[in-house]
Amino acid sequence: MNQLPECLKTELLDDEIDAIRAVAAGRATEYQQRLAIASIVQKIARYGDLGFVPGSPDETAFFNGRQFVGTRIMRIINDE
């Protein structure tokens, strides 16, 4: 049984998936826009999580790449 590596795990709710798709299609409500950004930053990019996978430097590096995206988005949002 193959388990998905920690660095690839992403658990999105149906509402979050719908919100991201609505943003991509250009028809998202204000709520969906906020939900999509929050889901992308927090769940997909895992901004704010510890970017370390014990015993796996490759997964740690991949995880840090995901977090870089979240950091860049937050810097843009916060005008830094």
Protein backbone atom coordinates (compact mmCIF):
# COMPACT_ATOMS: atom_id res chain seq x y z
CA MET A 1 0.00 0.00 0.00
CA ASN A 2 1.57 3.28 -1.13
CA GLN A 3 1.09 6.26 1.11
CA LEU A 4 1.20 9.77 -0.28
CA PRO A 5 4.35 11.57 0.92
CA GLU A 6 3.74 14.31 3.48
CA CYS A 7 4.95 16.99 1.08
CA LEU A 8 2.17 16.13 -1.41
CA LYS A 9 -0.79 15.94 0.98
CA THR A 10 -3.57 18.45 0.45
CA GLU A 11 -7.04 18.06 1.89
CA LEU A 12 -9.59 20.48 0.46
CA LEU A 13 -13.30 20.58 1.22
CA ASP A 14 -15.78 20.62 -1.66
CA ASP A 15 -16.59 24.30 -0.97
CA GLU A 16 -12.90 25.17 -1.25
CA ILE A 17 -12.54 23.33 -4.54
CA ASP A 18 -15.66 25.05 -5.89
CA ALA A 19 -14.31 28.43 -4.76
CA ILE A 20 -10.96 27.93 -6.51
CA ARG A 21 -12.73 26.84 -9.69
CA ALA A 22 -15.08 29.84 -9.51
CA VAL A 23 -12.12 32.22 -9.19
CA ALA A 24 -10.43 30.58 -12.17
CA ALA A 25 -13.62 30.92 -14.21
CA GLY A 26 -14.03 34.58 -13.23
CA ARG A 27 -17.41 34.12 -11.55
CA ALA A 28 -16.57 33.85 -7.85
CA THR A 29 -18.54 35.67 -5.19
CA GLU A 30 -16.65 37.77 -2.65
CA TYR A 31 -16.92 34.88 -0.15
CA GLN A 32 -15.54 32.41 -2.70
CA GLN A 33 -12.66 34.74 -3.56
CA ARG A 34 -11.65 34.96 0.10
CA LEU A 35 -12.11 31.22 0.61
CA ALA A 36 -10.03 30.42 -2.48
CA ILE A 37 -7.10 32.60 -1.37
CA ALA A 38 -7.25 31.23 2.17
CA SER A 39 -7.33 27.64 0.86
CA ILE A 40 -4.45 28.22 -1.54
CA VAL A 41 -2.27 29.92 1.07
CA GLN A 42 -3.10 27.78 4.10
CA LYS A 43 -3.91 24.33 2.72
CA ILE A 44 -2.15 24.07 -0.62
CA ALA A 45 0.97 26.17 0.05
CA ARG A 46 0.83 25.29 3.79
CA TYR A 47 2.03 28.79 4.71
CA GLY A 48 2.94 28.91 8.38
CA ASP A 49 3.48 25.15 8.78
CA LEU A 50 6.82 23.68 9.73
CA GLY A 51 8.48 22.87 6.40
CA PHE A 52 10.46 19.90 7.67
CA VAL A 53 9.89 16.20 7.03
CA PRO A 54 12.12 14.13 9.36
CA GLY A 55 14.46 11.82 7.51
CA SER A 56 13.60 13.15 4.07
CA PRO A 57 15.62 16.06 2.72
CA ASP A 58 13.90 15.80 -0.68
CA GLU A 59 10.42 16.08 0.82
CA THR A 60 11.61 18.92 3.05
CA ALA A 61 12.91 20.79 0.00
CA PHE A 62 9.65 20.21 -1.89
CA PHE A 63 7.63 21.34 1.14
CA ASN A 64 9.72 24.52 1.39
CA GLY A 65 8.98 25.23 -2.28
CA ARG A 66 5.25 25.03 -1.57
CA GLN A 67 5.63 27.37 1.37
CA PHE A 68 7.56 29.87 -0.72
CA VAL A 69 4.47 30.30 -2.88
CA GLY A 70 2.34 31.00 0.20
CA THR A 71 4.91 33.48 1.49
CA ARG A 72 4.97 35.36 -1.83
CA ILE A 73 1.17 35.53 -1.96
CA MET A 74 1.01 36.85 1.61
CA ARG A 75 3.66 39.47 0.84
CA ILE A 76 1.62 40.67 -2.12
CA ILE A 77 -1.58 40.74 -0.03
CA ASN A 78 0.14 42.60 2.80
CA ASP A 79 1.92 44.96 0.36
CA GLU A 80 5.40 44.05 1.59
